[in-house]
Amino acid sequence: MSDTNHQQQVDIFASDQRQRHFAELCNALYERELHSLSKNAPNNIRLLQRRLSGLPYHIKNAAEYLLAQDYPIQVDIHNGSWQAKQSAKCVSSKYDGEKSFAWFSNYARMGLPSPICINDMGIETIELDSVDRIDKEQHKLHFNKHGWFDFNGVYLGEYEHSLQSKTLLIPNKSNITAACCGHSWNHKGKTIPRTLSLRELLLSTTINWKTYK
């Protein structure tokens, strides 16, 4: 067999495998999103219709990005999730307000994917959110979902109840990894990872891992 024919067979095999992975990823994401909508469907029928009509576009984009990029964390094609080793303690244990202030003062930008630690009745999770407003004079940032934080990482909004807290963390490799993988902790240690929303999954594909240490 010539080298050219051999290379063509290798390329065809790789293409077929990628198509299978793409189809499996799409199926996993569809199942997850439809399950989520069945439990948390909006009351507004037009809003529900818009969300359903947009699913094919967003799911195909997510699957394409998950397969196309070279990330330091692994993709589980069977359930459409990121996988990486979880630290024994919540990454928020290394939070330092002064370091956060210095980091966001220098590197805050619009659209920046950032990890936010949510402590809800003793369960700690790290969520991805994105910056949509920056107030440099007041040293604060507004995030698309979670609202205002100061550069120190302190939440400036109102909590739903007294046993909840939110802390903005520096977007470094360990914090971003925890957010992408849905890592979760309680008072005993590691717990079952949570499933990212499709919005968070799409946001995770915009991360430039080369900039994080």
Protein backbone atom coordinates (compact mmCIF):
# COMPACT_ATOMS: atom_id res chain seq x y z
CA MET A 1 0.00 0.00 0.00
CA SER A 2 1.35 3.41 -0.90
CA ASP A 3 1.91 6.09 1.74
CA THR A 4 -0.77 8.22 0.05
CA ASN A 5 -3.43 5.48 0.25
CA HIS A 6 -2.50 4.73 3.84
CA GLN A 7 -2.80 8.39 4.79
CA GLN A 8 -6.20 8.61 3.06
CA GLN A 9 -7.46 5.64 5.06
CA VAL A 10 -6.18 7.21 8.30
CA ASP A 11 -7.91 10.50 7.43
CA ILE A 12 -11.20 8.72 6.60
CA PHE A 13 -11.07 6.75 9.87
CA ALA A 14 -10.38 9.91 11.87
CA SER A 15 -13.23 11.72 10.10
CA ASP A 16 -15.66 8.84 10.76
CA GLN A 17 -14.65 8.72 14.42
CA ARG A 18 -15.12 12.46 14.78
CA GLN A 19 -18.59 12.25 13.23
CA ARG A 20 -19.55 9.52 15.70
CA HIS A 21 -18.26 11.59 18.60
CA PHE A 22 -20.08 14.65 17.29
CA ALA A 23 -23.39 12.74 17.03
CA GLU A 24 -22.95 11.27 20.50
CA LEU A 25 -22.19 14.66 21.99
CA CYS A 26 -25.22 16.23 20.32
CA ASN A 27 -27.49 13.45 21.59
CA ALA A 28 -26.17 13.82 25.14
CA LEU A 29 -26.65 17.60 25.09
CA TYR A 30 -30.16 17.33 23.62
CA GLU A 31 -31.22 14.82 26.30
CA ARG A 32 -29.82 17.04 29.03
CA GLU A 33 -31.40 20.26 27.77
CA LEU A 34 -34.81 18.71 27.15
CA HIS A 35 -34.73 17.16 30.62
CA SER A 36 -33.85 20.57 32.08
CA LEU A 37 -36.65 22.29 30.12
CA SER A 38 -39.16 19.68 31.28
CA LYS A 39 -38.38 20.61 34.88
CA ASN A 40 -37.76 24.35 34.51
CA ALA A 41 -39.76 25.44 31.48
CA PRO A 42 -40.55 29.19 31.34
CA ASN A 43 -44.21 30.12 31.80
CA ASN A 44 -44.08 32.34 28.72
CA ILE A 45 -44.86 30.11 25.73
CA ARG A 46 -43.04 32.42 23.30
CA LEU A 47 -39.91 32.31 25.42
CA LEU A 48 -40.12 28.52 25.51
CA GLN A 49 -40.53 28.43 21.72
CA ARG A 50 -37.47 30.65 21.26
CA ARG A 51 -35.38 28.45 23.53
CA LEU A 52 -36.46 25.29 21.72
CA SER A 53 -35.86 26.79 18.27
CA GLY A 54 -32.37 27.89 19.30
CA LEU A 55 -31.33 24.50 20.70
CA PRO A 56 -30.02 22.97 17.42
CA TYR A 57 -27.75 25.96 16.73
CA HIS A 58 -26.34 26.17 20.28
CA ILE A 59 -25.92 22.42 20.72
CA LYS A 60 -24.13 21.99 17.39
CA ASN A 61 -21.83 24.90 18.25
CA ALA A 62 -21.06 23.42 21.67
CA ALA A 63 -20.31 19.99 20.19
CA GLU A 64 -18.09 21.47 17.46
CA TYR A 65 -16.06 23.49 19.96
CA LEU A 66 -15.71 20.61 22.41
CA LEU A 67 -14.23 18.40 19.68
CA ALA A 68 -12.21 21.03 17.84
CA GLN A 69 -10.20 22.61 20.61
CA ASP A 70 -7.10 21.41 22.46
CA TYR A 71 -7.84 21.77 26.17
CA PRO A 72 -5.90 20.71 29.27
CA ILE A 73 -9.10 19.01 30.54
CA GLN A 74 -10.85 16.03 28.99
CA VAL A 75 -14.21 15.86 27.21
CA ASP A 76 -16.65 13.08 28.15
CA ILE A 77 -18.54 12.58 24.89
CA HIS A 78 -21.09 10.28 26.55
CA ASN A 79 -22.65 13.05 28.66
CA GLY A 80 -21.21 16.24 27.16
CA SER A 81 -19.13 17.31 30.13
CA TRP A 82 -15.60 18.28 31.10
CA GLN A 83 -13.57 15.93 33.26
CA ALA A 84 -10.53 16.65 35.46
CA LYS A 85 -9.19 15.63 38.85
CA GLN A 86 -11.01 17.39 41.68
CA SER A 87 -9.15 18.96 44.59
CA ALA A 88 -9.90 17.64 48.08
CA LYS A 89 -10.93 21.09 49.31
CA CYS A 90 -12.93 23.76 47.53
CA VAL A 91 -10.67 25.99 45.46
CA SER A 92 -12.19 29.00 47.24
CA SER A 93 -10.05 28.09 50.28
CA LYS A 94 -7.17 29.84 48.47
CA TYR A 95 -9.17 33.05 47.96
CA ASP A 96 -7.19 36.20 48.73
CA GLY A 97 -9.01 39.54 48.43
CA GLU A 98 -5.86 41.60 47.89
CA LYS A 99 -4.63 39.32 45.10
CA SER A 100 -8.10 39.44 43.52
CA PHE A 101 -8.09 43.24 43.58
CA ALA A 102 -4.68 43.38 41.90
CA TRP A 103 -5.65 40.79 39.26
CA PHE A 104 -8.99 42.35 38.24
CA SER A 105 -7.50 45.86 38.32
CA ASN A 106 -5.02 44.76 35.66
CA TYR A 107 -6.87 42.16 33.60
CA ALA A 108 -10.64 42.76 33.81
CA ARG A 109 -12.23 42.99 30.36
CA MET A 110 -15.64 42.70 28.78
CA GLY A 111 -16.76 39.12 28.19
CA LEU A 112 -14.12 37.67 30.54
CA PRO A 113 -15.19 34.15 31.66
CA SER A 114 -14.76 34.09 35.43
CA PRO A 115 -15.32 31.55 38.24
CA ILE A 116 -17.73 32.46 41.03
CA CYS A 117 -17.95 30.35 44.18
CA ILE A 118 -21.54 29.81 45.35
CA ASN A 119 -21.93 28.59 48.93
CA ASP A 120 -25.56 27.59 49.42
CA MET A 121 -26.35 26.05 52.79
CA GLY A 122 -22.89 24.50 53.04
CA ILE A 123 -22.71 23.19 49.46
CA GLU A 124 -19.95 24.97 47.52
CA THR A 125 -19.93 25.03 43.72
CA ILE A 126 -17.97 27.06 41.18
CA GLU A 127 -19.98 28.62 38.35
CA LEU A 128 -18.77 30.26 35.16
CA ASP A 129 -20.11 33.73 34.42
CA SER A 130 -19.03 36.53 32.08
CA VAL A 131 -18.28 40.22 32.64
CA ASP A 132 -20.73 42.56 30.91
CA ARG A 133 -19.94 45.86 32.69
CA ILE A 134 -16.81 47.33 34.26
CA ASP A 135 -16.72 50.31 36.62
CA LYS A 136 -13.03 51.09 37.11
CA GLU A 137 -13.71 54.19 39.19
CA GLN A 138 -15.72 52.19 41.74
CA HIS A 139 -13.52 49.12 41.32
CA LYS A 140 -16.38 46.78 40.54
CA LEU A 141 -17.57 44.35 37.86
CA HIS A 142 -21.02 43.29 36.73
CA PHE A 143 -21.61 39.71 35.61
CA ASN A 144 -24.27 38.50 33.22
CA LYS A 145 -25.98 36.20 35.74
CA HIS A 146 -24.70 36.97 39.23
CA GLY A 147 -24.55 40.78 39.21
CA TRP A 148 -22.07 43.11 40.88
CA PHE A 149 -18.81 42.20 42.64
CA ASP A 150 -15.98 44.47 43.72
CA PHE A 151 -12.44 43.82 42.54
CA ASN A 152 -11.73 42.10 45.88
CA GLY A 153 -14.25 39.42 44.89
CA VAL A 154 -16.93 40.51 47.36
CA TYR A 155 -20.54 40.19 46.19
CA LEU A 156 -22.40 43.52 46.20
CA GLY A 157 -25.96 42.26 45.65
CA GLU A 158 -28.60 40.80 47.94
CA TYR A 159 -28.66 37.16 48.96
CA GLU A 160 -31.72 34.93 48.66
CA HIS A 161 -31.26 33.73 52.24
CA SER A 162 -28.84 34.04 55.16
CA LEU A 163 -27.03 30.76 54.44
CA GLN A 164 -25.87 31.80 51.00
CA SER A 165 -22.68 33.56 49.90
CA LYS A 166 -20.94 34.35 46.62
CA THR A 167 -17.27 35.08 45.99
CA LEU A 168 -15.62 36.09 42.73
CA LEU A 169 -12.41 34.11 42.22
CA ILE A 170 -9.38 34.86 40.07
CA PRO A 171 -9.64 33.10 36.68
CA ASN A 172 -6.60 30.85 37.09
CA LYS A 173 -6.23 27.26 35.88
CA SER A 174 -7.45 25.52 39.06
CA ASN A 175 -10.48 27.78 39.54
CA ILE A 176 -11.49 27.65 35.87
CA THR A 177 -11.05 23.86 35.81
CA ALA A 178 -13.32 23.49 38.85
CA ALA A 179 -15.96 25.67 37.19
CA CYS A 180 -15.82 23.83 33.85
CA CYS A 181 -16.06 20.42 35.51
CA GLY A 182 -18.86 21.36 37.90
CA HIS A 183 -16.84 20.43 40.96
CA SER A 184 -18.74 20.59 44.23
CA TRP A 185 -17.92 20.25 47.93
CA ASN A 186 -19.67 20.02 51.30
CA HIS A 187 -18.38 20.02 54.88
CA LYS A 188 -17.03 16.48 54.41
CA GLY A 189 -15.18 17.19 51.17
CA LYS A 190 -15.80 16.34 47.53
CA THR A 191 -19.34 15.63 46.33
CA ILE A 192 -20.86 14.59 43.00
CA PRO A 193 -20.10 17.22 40.31
CA ARG A 194 -23.04 19.28 39.10
CA THR A 195 -24.10 19.46 35.45
CA LEU A 196 -23.25 22.70 33.67
CA SER A 197 -26.02 24.59 31.93
CA LEU A 198 -25.73 24.88 28.15
CA ARG A 199 -24.92 28.59 28.65
CA GLU A 200 -21.97 27.72 30.92
CA LEU A 201 -20.80 24.99 28.56
CA LEU A 202 -20.76 27.44 25.65
CA LEU A 203 -18.97 29.99 27.83
CA SER A 204 -16.33 27.39 28.70
CA THR A 205 -15.45 27.04 25.01
CA THR A 206 -14.38 30.72 24.89
CA ILE A 207 -11.65 30.26 27.50
CA ASN A 208 -8.07 30.85 26.36
CA TRP A 209 -6.29 28.28 28.51
CA LYS A 210 -2.85 29.45 27.39
CA THR A 211 -3.25 32.59 29.50
CA TYR A 212 -3.89 30.69 32.76
CA LYS A 213 -1.34 29.18 35.11
